[in-house]
Amino acid sequence: DRDGFCRLLSDRNQDRLVAEGGLCIVYTHFAFGFSD
């Protein structure tokens, strides 16, 4: 959900992904709290 998405892609994790040259395949539900 939205909270899980923002935790997964926190600033720290975004920077880690860049540093590792990695790949993130995020699996989420945009219907769960992303807009209101």
Full PDB file with SEQRES, HELIX, SHEET, SSBOND, CRYST1, ORIGX, SCALE, CONECT and MASTER records, all heavy atoms in Angstrom:
SEQRES   1 A   36  ASP ARG ASP GLY PHE CYS ARG LEU LEU SER ASP ARG ASN          
SEQRES   2 A   36  GLN ASP ARG LEU VAL ALA GLU GLY GLY LEU CYS ILE VAL          
SEQRES   3 A   36  TYR THR HIS PHE ALA PHE GLY PHE SER ASP                      
HELIX    1 AA1 ARG A    2  LEU A    8  1                                   7    
HELIX    2 AA2 ASP A   11  GLU A   20  1                                  10    
CRYST1    1.000    1.000    1.000  90.00  90.00  90.00 P 1           1          
ORIGX1      1.000000  0.000000  0.000000        0.00000                         
ORIGX2      0.000000  1.000000  0.000000        0.00000                         
ORIGX3      0.000000  0.000000  1.000000        0.00000                         
SCALE1      1.000000  0.000000  0.000000        0.00000                         
SCALE2      0.000000  1.000000  0.000000        0.00000                         
SCALE3      0.000000  0.000000  1.000000        0.00000                         
ATOM      1  N   ASP A   1       0.847  -1.189   0.000  1.00  0.00           N  
ATOM      2  CA  ASP A   1       0.000   0.000   0.000  1.00  0.00           C  
ATOM      3  C   ASP A   1       0.882   1.238   0.000  1.00  0.00           C  
ATOM      4  O   ASP A   1       2.111   1.154  -0.136  1.00  0.00           O  
ATOM      5  CB  ASP A   1      -0.937  -0.013   1.212  1.00  0.00           C  
ATOM      6  CG  ASP A   1      -0.178  -0.225   2.529  1.00  0.00           C  
ATOM      7  OD1 ASP A   1       1.051   0.020   2.575  1.00  0.00           O  
ATOM      8  OD2 ASP A   1      -0.812  -0.650   3.520  1.00  0.00           O  
ATOM      9  N   ARG A   2       0.255   2.405   0.159  1.00  0.00           N  
ATOM     10  CA  ARG A   2       1.013   3.656   0.113  1.00  0.00           C  
ATOM     11  C   ARG A   2       2.112   3.701   1.172  1.00  0.00           C  
ATOM     12  O   ARG A   2       3.257   4.085   0.881  1.00  0.00           O  
ATOM     13  CB  ARG A   2       0.066   4.838   0.323  1.00  0.00           C  
ATOM     14  CG  ARG A   2       0.763   6.204   0.411  1.00  0.00           C  
ATOM     15  CD  ARG A   2      -0.067   7.165   1.232  1.00  0.00           C  
ATOM     16  NE  ARG A   2      -0.327   6.629   2.557  1.00  0.00           N  
ATOM     17  CZ  ARG A   2      -1.317   7.055   3.345  1.00  0.00           C  
ATOM     18  NH1 ARG A   2      -2.144   7.991   2.933  1.00  0.00           N  
ATOM     19  NH2 ARG A   2      -1.487   6.534   4.548  1.00  0.00           N  
ATOM     20  N   ASP A   3       1.800   3.323   2.403  1.00  0.00           N  
ATOM     21  CA  ASP A   3       2.810   3.360   3.455  1.00  0.00           C  
ATOM     22  C   ASP A   3       3.962   2.417   3.152  1.00  0.00           C  
ATOM     23  O   ASP A   3       5.134   2.764   3.343  1.00  0.00           O  
ATOM     24  CB  ASP A   3       2.185   3.019   4.809  1.00  0.00           C  
ATOM     25  CG  ASP A   3       1.231   4.093   5.307  1.00  0.00           C  
ATOM     26  OD1 ASP A   3       1.301   5.230   4.793  1.00  0.00           O  
ATOM     27  OD2 ASP A   3       0.413   3.797   6.195  1.00  0.00           O  
ATOM     28  N   GLY A   4       3.626   1.214   2.676  1.00  0.00           N  
ATOM     29  CA  GLY A   4       4.671   0.272   2.323  1.00  0.00           C  
ATOM     30  C   GLY A   4       5.525   0.774   1.170  1.00  0.00           C  
ATOM     31  O   GLY A   4       6.746   0.580   1.154  1.00  0.00           O  
ATOM     32  N   PHE A   5       4.894   1.430   0.206  1.00  0.00           N  
ATOM     33  CA  PHE A   5       5.623   1.997  -0.931  1.00  0.00           C  
ATOM     34  C   PHE A   5       6.616   3.049  -0.463  1.00  0.00           C  
ATOM     35  O   PHE A   5       7.782   3.057  -0.872  1.00  0.00           O  
ATOM     36  CB  PHE A   5       4.620   2.599  -1.916  1.00  0.00           C  
ATOM     37  CG  PHE A   5       5.224   3.080  -3.208  1.00  0.00           C  
ATOM     38  CD1 PHE A   5       5.145   2.299  -4.343  1.00  0.00           C  
ATOM     39  CD2 PHE A   5       5.829   4.319  -3.296  1.00  0.00           C  
ATOM     40  CE1 PHE A   5       5.689   2.747  -5.550  1.00  0.00           C  
ATOM     41  CE2 PHE A   5       6.378   4.771  -4.484  1.00  0.00           C  
ATOM     42  CZ  PHE A   5       6.304   3.982  -5.618  1.00  0.00           C  
ATOM     43  N   CYS A   6       6.152   3.946   0.388  1.00  0.00           N  
ATOM     44  CA  CYS A   6       7.026   5.031   0.849  1.00  0.00           C  
ATOM     45  C   CYS A   6       8.137   4.514   1.756  1.00  0.00           C  
ATOM     46  O   CYS A   6       9.245   5.087   1.772  1.00  0.00           O  
ATOM     47  CB  CYS A   6       6.196   6.103   1.547  1.00  0.00           C  
ATOM     48  SG  CYS A   6       5.054   6.975   0.429  1.00  0.00           S  
ATOM     49  N   ARG A   7       7.886   3.452   2.500  1.00  0.00           N  
ATOM     50  CA  ARG A   7       8.960   2.843   3.296  1.00  0.00           C  
ATOM     51  C   ARG A   7      10.001   2.188   2.385  1.00  0.00           C  
ATOM     52  O   ARG A   7      11.205   2.358   2.577  1.00  0.00           O  
ATOM     53  CB  ARG A   7       8.392   1.795   4.251  1.00  0.00           C  
ATOM     54  CG  ARG A   7       7.784   2.356   5.523  1.00  0.00           C  
ATOM     55  CD  ARG A   7       7.579   1.258   6.559  1.00  0.00           C  
ATOM     56  NE  ARG A   7       6.752   0.166   6.056  1.00  0.00           N  
ATOM     57  CZ  ARG A   7       5.428   0.125   6.172  1.00  0.00           C  
ATOM     58  NH1 ARG A   7       4.775   1.129   6.750  1.00  0.00           N  
ATOM     59  NH2 ARG A   7       4.758  -0.913   5.707  1.00  0.00           N  
ATOM     60  N   LEU A   8       9.503   1.424   1.416  1.00  0.00           N  
ATOM     61  CA  LEU A   8      10.419   0.743   0.505  1.00  0.00           C  
ATOM     62  C   LEU A   8      11.300   1.728  -0.245  1.00  0.00           C  
ATOM     63  O   LEU A   8      12.506   1.502  -0.418  1.00  0.00           O  
ATOM     64  CB  LEU A   8       9.624  -0.105  -0.496  1.00  0.00           C  
ATOM     65  CG  LEU A   8      10.458  -0.847  -1.542  1.00  0.00           C  
ATOM     66  CD1 LEU A   8      11.260  -1.981  -0.913  1.00  0.00           C  
ATOM     67  CD2 LEU A   8       9.566  -1.383  -2.661  1.00  0.00           C  
ATOM     68  N   LEU A   9      10.709   2.839  -0.691  1.00  0.00           N  
ATOM     69  CA  LEU A   9      11.447   3.829  -1.474  1.00  0.00           C  
ATOM     70  C   LEU A   9      11.729   5.075  -0.652  1.00  0.00           C  
ATOM     71  O   LEU A   9      11.615   6.205  -1.139  1.00  0.00           O  
ATOM     72  CB  LEU A   9      10.666   4.163  -2.743  1.00  0.00           C  
ATOM     73  CG  LEU A   9      10.598   2.999  -3.745  1.00  0.00           C  
ATOM     74  CD1 LEU A   9       9.691   3.339  -4.909  1.00  0.00           C  
ATOM     75  CD2 LEU A   9      11.992   2.627  -4.247  1.00  0.00           C  
ATOM     76  N   SER A  10      12.132   4.869   0.589  1.00  0.00           N  
ATOM     77  CA  SER A  10      12.599   5.977   1.417  1.00  0.00           C  
ATOM     78  C   SER A  10      13.825   6.614   0.771  1.00  0.00           C  
ATOM     79  O   SER A  10      14.466   6.022  -0.121  1.00  0.00           O  
ATOM     80  CB  SER A  10      12.971   5.467   2.809  1.00  0.00           C  
ATOM     81  OG  SER A  10      14.086   4.575   2.729  1.00  0.00           O  
ATOM     82  N   ASP A  11      14.173   7.809   1.194  1.00  0.00           N  
ATOM     83  CA  ASP A  11      15.355   8.477   0.643  1.00  0.00           C  
ATOM     84  C   ASP A  11      16.585   7.583   0.766  1.00  0.00           C  
ATOM     85  O   ASP A  11      17.387   7.458  -0.171  1.00  0.00           O  
ATOM     86  CB  ASP A  11      15.613   9.796   1.376  1.00  0.00           C  
ATOM     87  CG  ASP A  11      14.531  10.839   1.107  1.00  0.00           C  
ATOM     88  OD1 ASP A  11      13.577  10.538   0.353  1.00  0.00           O  
ATOM     89  OD2 ASP A  11      14.640  11.950   1.654  1.00  0.00           O  
ATOM     90  N   ARG A  12      16.731   6.968   1.925  1.00  0.00           N  
ATOM     91  CA  ARG A  12      17.896   6.111   2.151  1.00  0.00           C  
ATOM     92  C   ARG A  12      17.916   4.928   1.198  1.00  0.00           C  
ATOM     93  O   ARG A  12      18.973   4.595   0.620  1.00  0.00           O  
ATOM     94  CB  ARG A  12      17.882   5.613   3.600  1.00  0.00           C  
ATOM     95  CG  ARG A  12      19.052   4.703   3.956  1.00  0.00           C  
ATOM     96  CD  ARG A  12      18.960   4.291   5.409  1.00  0.00           C  
ATOM     97  NE  ARG A  12      20.058   3.403   5.780  1.00  0.00           N  
ATOM     98  CZ  ARG A  12      20.228   2.872   6.980  1.00  0.00           C  
ATOM     99  NH1 ARG A  12      19.363   3.156   7.955  1.00  0.00           N  
ATOM    100  NH2 ARG A  12      21.243   2.060   7.224  1.00  0.00           N  
ATOM    101  N   ASN A  13      16.758   4.301   0.991  1.00  0.00           N  
ATOM    102  CA  ASN A  13      16.714   3.157   0.081  1.00  0.00           C  
ATOM    103  C   ASN A  13      16.890   3.563  -1.369  1.00  0.00           C  
ATOM    104  O   ASN A  13      17.494   2.820  -2.165  1.00  0.00           O  
ATOM    105  CB  ASN A  13      15.403   2.394   0.270  1.00  0.00           C  
ATOM    106  CG  ASN A  13      15.423   1.493   1.485  1.00  0.00           C  
ATOM    107  OD1 ASN A  13      16.474   1.243   2.073  1.00  0.00           O  
ATOM    108  ND2 ASN A  13      14.257   0.992   1.879  1.00  0.00           N  
ATOM    109  N   GLN A  14      16.378   4.722  -1.739  1.00  0.00           N  
ATOM    110  CA  GLN A  14      16.620   5.206  -3.099  1.00  0.00           C  
ATOM    111  C   GLN A  14      18.116   5.389  -3.335  1.00  0.00           C  
ATOM    112  O   GLN A  14      18.659   4.977  -4.369  1.00  0.00           O  
ATOM    113  CB  GLN A  14      15.881   6.524  -3.327  1.00  0.00           C  
ATOM    114  CG  GLN A  14      14.375   6.398  -3.416  1.00  0.00           C  
ATOM    115  CD  GLN A  14      13.701   7.708  -3.784  1.00  0.00           C  
ATOM    116  OE1 GLN A  14      14.296   8.565  -4.437  1.00  0.00           O  
ATOM    117  NE2 GLN A  14      12.452   7.876  -3.374  1.00  0.00           N  
ATOM    118  N   ASP A  15      18.781   6.011  -2.386  1.00  0.00           N  
ATOM    119  CA  ASP A  15      20.218   6.242  -2.535  1.00  0.00           C  
ATOM    120  C   ASP A  15      20.984   4.927  -2.553  1.00  0.00           C  
ATOM    121  O   ASP A  15      21.981   4.775  -3.275  1.00  0.00           O  
ATOM    122  CB  ASP A  15      20.732   7.132  -1.401  1.00  0.00           C  
ATOM    123  CG  ASP A  15      20.162   8.540  -1.469  1.00  0.00           C  
ATOM    124  OD1 ASP A  15      19.670   8.936  -2.544  1.00  0.00           O  
ATOM    125  OD2 ASP A  15      20.193   9.249  -0.434  1.00  0.00           O  
ATOM    126  N   ARG A  16      20.528   3.963  -1.774  1.00  0.00           N  
ATOM    127  CA  ARG A  16      21.167   2.646  -1.771  1.00  0.00           C  
ATOM    128  C   ARG A  16      21.016   1.967  -3.127  1.00  0.00           C  
ATOM    129  O   ARG A  16      21.967   1.352  -3.640  1.00  0.00           O  
ATOM    130  CB  ARG A  16      20.550   1.783  -0.673  1.00  0.00           C  
ATOM    131  CG  ARG A  16      21.068   0.356  -0.654  1.00  0.00           C  
ATOM    132  CD  ARG A  16      20.357  -0.478   0.397  1.00  0.00           C  
ATOM    133  NE  ARG A  16      20.756  -1.863   0.323  1.00  0.00           N  
ATOM    134  CZ  ARG A  16      20.227  -2.844   1.037  1.00  0.00           C  
ATOM    135  NH1 ARG A  16      19.265  -2.572   1.910  1.00  0.00           N  
ATOM    136  NH2 ARG A  16      20.648  -4.083   0.894  1.00  0.00           N  
ATOM    137  N   LEU A  17      19.841   2.088  -3.724  1.00  0.00           N  
ATOM    138  CA  LEU A  17      19.605   1.473  -5.024  1.00  0.00           C  
ATOM    139  C   LEU A  17      20.542   2.066  -6.071  1.00  0.00           C  
ATOM    140  O   LEU A  17      21.099   1.347  -6.910  1.00  0.00           O  
ATOM    141  CB  LEU A  17      18.144   1.676  -5.425  1.00  0.00           C  
ATOM    142  CG  LEU A  17      17.645   0.902  -6.638  1.00  0.00           C  
ATOM    143  CD1 LEU A  17      17.723  -0.609  -6.408  1.00  0.00           C  
ATOM    144  CD2 LEU A  17      16.213   1.315  -6.981  1.00  0.00           C  
ATOM    145  N   VAL A  18      20.736   3.379  -6.021  1.00  0.00           N  
ATOM    146  CA  VAL A  18      21.662   4.030  -6.945  1.00  0.00           C  
ATOM    147  C   VAL A  18      23.076   3.521  -6.715  1.00  0.00           C  
ATOM    148  O   VAL A  18      23.797   3.160  -7.660  1.00  0.00           O  
ATOM    149  CB  VAL A  18      21.608   5.560  -6.784  1.00  0.00           C  
ATOM    150  CG1 VAL A  18      22.666   6.229  -7.670  1.00  0.00           C  
ATOM    151  CG2 VAL A  18      20.225   6.096  -7.128  1.00  0.00           C  
ATOM    152  N   ALA A  19      23.506   3.481  -5.458  1.00  0.00           N  
ATOM    153  CA  ALA A  19      24.870   3.058  -5.129  1.00  0.00           C  
ATOM    154  C   ALA A  19      25.137   1.625  -5.571  1.00  0.00           C  
ATOM    155  O   ALA A  19      26.254   1.299  -6.010  1.00  0.00           O  
ATOM    156  CB  ALA A  19      25.113   3.213  -3.630  1.00  0.00           C  
ATOM    157  N   GLU A  20      24.140   0.759  -5.453  1.00  0.00           N  
ATOM    158  CA  GLU A  20      24.320  -0.651  -5.809  1.00  0.00           C  
ATOM    159  C   GLU A  20      24.133  -0.904  -7.303  1.00  0.00           C  
ATOM    160  O   GLU A  20      24.438  -2.002  -7.786  1.00  0.00           O  
ATOM    161  CB  GLU A  20      23.351  -1.517  -5.014  1.00  0.00           C  
ATOM    162  CG  GLU A  20      23.633  -1.533  -3.515  1.00  0.00           C  
ATOM    163  CD  GLU A  20      22.642  -2.394  -2.741  1.00  0.00           C  
ATOM    164  OE1 GLU A  20      21.689  -2.913  -3.366  1.00  0.00           O  
ATOM    165  OE2 GLU A  20      22.822  -2.531  -1.512  1.00  0.00           O  
ATOM    166  N   GLY A  21      23.635   0.088  -8.036  1.00  0.00           N  
ATOM    167  CA  GLY A  21      23.344  -0.126  -9.450  1.00  0.00           C  
ATOM    168  C   GLY A  21      22.310  -1.203  -9.664  1.00  0.00           C  
ATOM    169  O   GLY A  21      22.359  -1.957 -10.639  1.00  0.00           O  
ATOM    170  N   GLY A  22      21.344  -1.281  -8.758  1.00  0.00           N  
ATOM    171  CA  GLY A  22      20.417  -2.403  -8.712  1.00  0.00           C  
ATOM    172  C   GLY A  22      19.151  -2.203  -9.523  1.00  0.00           C  
ATOM    173  O   GLY A  22      19.010  -1.265 -10.316  1.00  0.00           O  
ATOM    174  N   LEU A  23      18.233  -3.124  -9.293  1.00  0.00           N  
ATOM    175  CA  LEU A  23      16.923  -3.116  -9.931  1.00  0.00           C  
ATOM    176  C   LEU A  23      15.860  -3.286  -8.864  1.00  0.00           C  
ATOM    177  O   LEU A  23      15.953  -4.199  -8.036  1.00  0.00           O  
ATOM    178  CB  LEU A  23      16.808  -4.273 -10.937  1.00  0.00           C  
ATOM    179  CG  LEU A  23      15.391  -4.686 -11.360  1.00  0.00           C  
ATOM    180  CD1 LEU A  23      14.700  -3.552 -12.114  1.00  0.00           C  
ATOM    181  CD2 LEU A  23      15.443  -5.958 -12.215  1.00  0.00           C  
ATOM    182  N   CYS A  24      14.869  -2.429  -8.877  1.00  0.00           N  
ATOM    183  CA  CYS A  24      13.722  -2.568  -7.979  1.00  0.00           C  
ATOM    184  C   CYS A  24      12.469  -2.775  -8.818  1.00  0.00           C  
ATOM    185  O   CYS A  24      12.108  -1.921  -9.633  1.00  0.00           O  
ATOM    186  CB  CYS A  24      13.566  -1.329  -7.098  1.00  0.00           C  
ATOM    187  SG  CYS A  24      12.235  -1.487  -5.873  1.00  0.00           S  
ATOM    188  N   ILE A  25      11.830  -3.930  -8.633  1.00  0.00           N  
ATOM    189  CA  ILE A  25      10.523  -4.203  -9.232  1.00  0.00           C  
ATOM    190  C   ILE A  25       9.512  -4.081  -8.095  1.00  0.00           C  
ATOM    191  O   ILE A  25       9.325  -5.002  -7.311  1.00  0.00           O  
ATOM    192  CB  ILE A  25      10.466  -5.598  -9.870  1.00  0.00           C  
ATOM    193  CG1 ILE A  25      11.516  -5.720 -10.983  1.00  0.00           C  
ATOM    194  CG2 ILE A  25       9.059  -5.874 -10.423  1.00  0.00           C  
ATOM    195  CD1 ILE A  25      11.580  -7.103 -11.624  1.00  0.00           C  
ATOM    196  N   VAL A  26       8.899  -2.923  -7.981  1.00  0.00           N  
ATOM    197  CA  VAL A  26       7.964  -2.662  -6.890  1.00  0.00           C  
ATOM    198  C   VAL A  26       6.626  -3.315  -7.214  1.00  0.00           C  
ATOM    199  O   VAL A  26       6.079  -3.117  -8.305  1.00  0.00           O  
ATOM    200  CB  VAL A  26       7.741  -1.148  -6.698  1.00  0.00           C  
ATOM    201  CG1 VAL A  26       6.854  -0.894  -5.483  1.00  0.00           C  
ATOM    202  CG2 VAL A  26       9.061  -0.412  -6.577  1.00  0.00           C  
ATOM    203  N   TYR A  27       6.102  -4.079  -6.260  1.00  0.00           N  
ATOM    204  CA  TYR A  27       4.761  -4.647  -6.434  1.00  0.00           C  
ATOM    205  C   TYR A  27       3.845  -3.995  -5.408  1.00  0.00           C  
ATOM    206  O   TYR A  27       4.057  -4.107  -4.209  1.00  0.00           O  
ATOM    207  CB  TYR A  27       4.760  -6.164  -6.234  1.00  0.00           C  
ATOM    208  CG  TYR A  27       3.459  -6.781  -6.696  1.00  0.00           C  
ATOM    209  CD1 TYR A  27       3.244  -7.041  -8.044  1.00  0.00           C  
ATOM    210  CD2 TYR A  27       2.435  -7.061  -5.800  1.00  0.00           C  
ATOM    211  CE1 TYR A  27       2.035  -7.573  -8.490  1.00  0.00           C  
ATOM    212  CE2 TYR A  27       1.229  -7.592  -6.234  1.00  0.00           C  
ATOM    213  CZ  TYR A  27       1.039  -7.847  -7.571  1.00  0.00           C  
ATOM    214  OH  TYR A  27      -0.164  -8.363  -8.010  1.00  0.00           O  
ATOM    215  N   THR A  28       2.821  -3.285  -5.906  1.00  0.00           N  
ATOM    216  CA  THR A  28       1.976  -2.507  -5.011  1.00  0.00           C  
ATOM    217  C   THR A  28       0.540  -2.496  -5.504  1.00  0.00           C  
ATOM    218  O   THR A  28       0.208  -3.114  -6.526  1.00  0.00           O  
ATOM    219  CB  THR A  28       2.521  -1.077  -4.877  1.00  0.00           C  
ATOM    220  OG1 THR A  28       1.899  -0.411  -3.769  1.00  0.00           O  
ATOM    221  CG2 THR A  28       2.295  -0.274  -6.154  1.00  0.00           C  
ATOM    222  N   HIS A  29      -0.318  -1.787  -4.769  1.00  0.00           N  
ATOM    223  CA  HIS A  29      -1.724  -1.593  -5.130  1.00  0.00           C  
ATOM    224  C   HIS A  29      -1.991  -0.086  -5.110  1.00  0.00           C  
ATOM    225  O   HIS A  29      -2.149   0.497  -4.038  1.00  0.00           O  
ATOM    226  CB  HIS A  29      -2.661  -2.271  -4.126  1.00  0.00           C  
ATOM    227  CG  HIS A  29      -2.454  -3.742  -3.964  1.00  0.00           C  
ATOM    228  ND1 HIS A  29      -1.396  -4.274  -3.268  1.00  0.00           N  
ATOM    229  CD2 HIS A  29      -3.207  -4.802  -4.396  1.00  0.00           C  
ATOM    230  CE1 HIS A  29      -1.487  -5.599  -3.273  1.00  0.00           C  
ATOM    231  NE2 HIS A  29      -2.575  -5.939  -3.950  1.00  0.00           N  
ATOM    232  N   PHE A  30      -2.064   0.535  -6.257  1.00  0.00           N  
ATOM    233  CA  PHE A  30      -2.304   1.978  -6.298  1.00  0.00           C  
ATOM    234  C   PHE A  30      -3.689   2.348  -5.761  1.00  0.00           C  
ATOM    235  O   PHE A  30      -3.939   3.520  -5.459  1.00  0.00           O  
ATOM    236  CB  PHE A  30      -2.145   2.505  -7.718  1.00  0.00           C  
ATOM    237  CG  PHE A  30      -0.703   2.697  -8.139  1.00  0.00           C  
ATOM    238  CD1 PHE A  30      -0.334   2.578  -9.472  1.00  0.00           C  
ATOM    239  CD2 PHE A  30       0.276   3.010  -7.214  1.00  0.00           C  
ATOM    240  CE1 PHE A  30       0.976   2.769  -9.874  1.00  0.00           C  
ATOM    241  CE2 PHE A  30       1.596   3.193  -7.599  1.00  0.00           C  
ATOM    242  CZ  PHE A  30       1.940   3.076  -8.936  1.00  0.00           C  
ATOM    243  N   ALA A  31      -4.566   1.363  -5.635  1.00  0.00           N  
ATOM    244  CA  ALA A  31      -5.897   1.645  -5.074  1.00  0.00           C  
ATOM    245  C   ALA A  31      -5.865   1.782  -3.559  1.00  0.00           C  
ATOM    246  O   ALA A  31      -6.861   2.196  -2.964  1.00  0.00           O  
ATOM    247  CB  ALA A  31      -6.865   0.537  -5.476  1.00  0.00           C  
ATOM    248  N   PHE A  32      -4.755   1.438  -2.927  1.00  0.00           N  
ATOM    249  CA  PHE A  32      -4.691   1.371  -1.471  1.00  0.00           C  
ATOM    250  C   PHE A  32      -3.994   2.594  -0.876  1.00  0.00           C  
ATOM    251  O   PHE A  32      -2.837   2.535  -0.453  1.00  0.00           O  
ATOM    252  CB  PHE A  32      -3.965   0.100  -1.022  1.00  0.00           C  
ATOM    253  CG  PHE A  32      -4.688  -1.190  -1.342  1.00  0.00           C  
ATOM    254  CD1 PHE A  32      -4.120  -2.409  -1.019  1.00  0.00           C  
ATOM    255  CD2 PHE A  32      -5.932  -1.192  -1.953  1.00  0.00           C  
ATOM    256  CE1 PHE A  32      -4.772  -3.598  -1.302  1.00  0.00           C  
ATOM    257  CE2 PHE A  32      -6.595  -2.377  -2.252  1.00  0.00           C  
ATOM    258  CZ  PHE A  32      -6.014  -3.582  -1.925  1.00  0.00           C  
ATOM    259  N   GLY A  33      -4.679   3.732  -0.912  1.00  0.00           N  
ATOM    260  CA  GLY A  33      -4.220   4.907  -0.185  1.00  0.00           C  
ATOM    261  C   GLY A  33      -3.344   5.878  -0.943  1.00  0.00           C  
ATOM    262  O   GLY A  33      -2.853   6.845  -0.347  1.00  0.00           O  
ATOM    263  N   PHE A  34      -3.144   5.679  -2.241  1.00  0.00           N  
ATOM    264  CA  PHE A  34      -2.243   6.562  -2.989  1.00  0.00           C  
ATOM    265  C   PHE A  34      -2.905   7.872  -3.401  1.00  0.00           C  
ATOM    266  O   PHE A  34      -2.215   8.832  -3.749  1.00  0.00           O  
ATOM    267  CB  PHE A  34      -1.708   5.839  -4.224  1.00  0.00           C  
ATOM    268  CG  PHE A  34      -0.656   4.820  -3.924  1.00  0.00           C  
ATOM    269  CD1 PHE A  34      -0.989   3.563  -3.450  1.00  0.00           C  
ATOM    270  CD2 PHE A  34       0.681   5.115  -4.118  1.00  0.00           C  
ATOM    271  CE1 PHE A  34      -0.017   2.613  -3.178  1.00  0.00           C  
ATOM    272  CE2 PHE A  34       1.675   4.182  -3.852  1.00  0.00           C  
ATOM    273  CZ  PHE A  34       1.328   2.925  -3.375  1.00  0.00           C  
ATOM    274  N   SER A  35      -4.215   7.901  -3.396  1.00  0.00           N  
ATOM    275  CA  SER A  35      -4.916   9.149  -3.721  1.00  0.00           C  
ATOM    276  C   SER A  35      -6.212   9.197  -2.931  1.00  0.00           C  
ATOM    277  O   SER A  35      -6.729   8.178  -2.476  1.00  0.00           O  
ATOM    278  CB  SER A  35      -5.210   9.248  -5.224  1.00  0.00           C  
ATOM    279  OG  SER A  35      -6.181   8.293  -5.608  1.00  0.00           O  
ATOM    280  N   ASP A  36      -6.738  10.415  -2.786  1.00  0.00           N  
ATOM    281  CA  ASP A  36      -7.985  10.600  -2.048  1.00  0.00           C  
ATOM    282  C   ASP A  36      -8.714  11.800  -2.636  1.00  0.00           C  
ATOM    283  O   ASP A  36      -8.129  12.890  -2.758  1.00  0.00           O  
ATOM    284  CB  ASP A  36      -7.692  10.824  -0.563  1.00  0.00           C  
ATOM    285  CG  ASP A  36      -8.968  10.942   0.261  1.00  0.00           C  
ATOM    286  OD1 ASP A  36      -9.972  10.329  -0.119  1.00  0.00           O  
ATOM    287  OD2 ASP A  36      -8.944  11.657   1.282  1.00  0.00           O  
TER     288      ASP A  36                                                      
MASTER        0    0    0    2    0    0    0    6  287    1    0    3          
END                                                                             
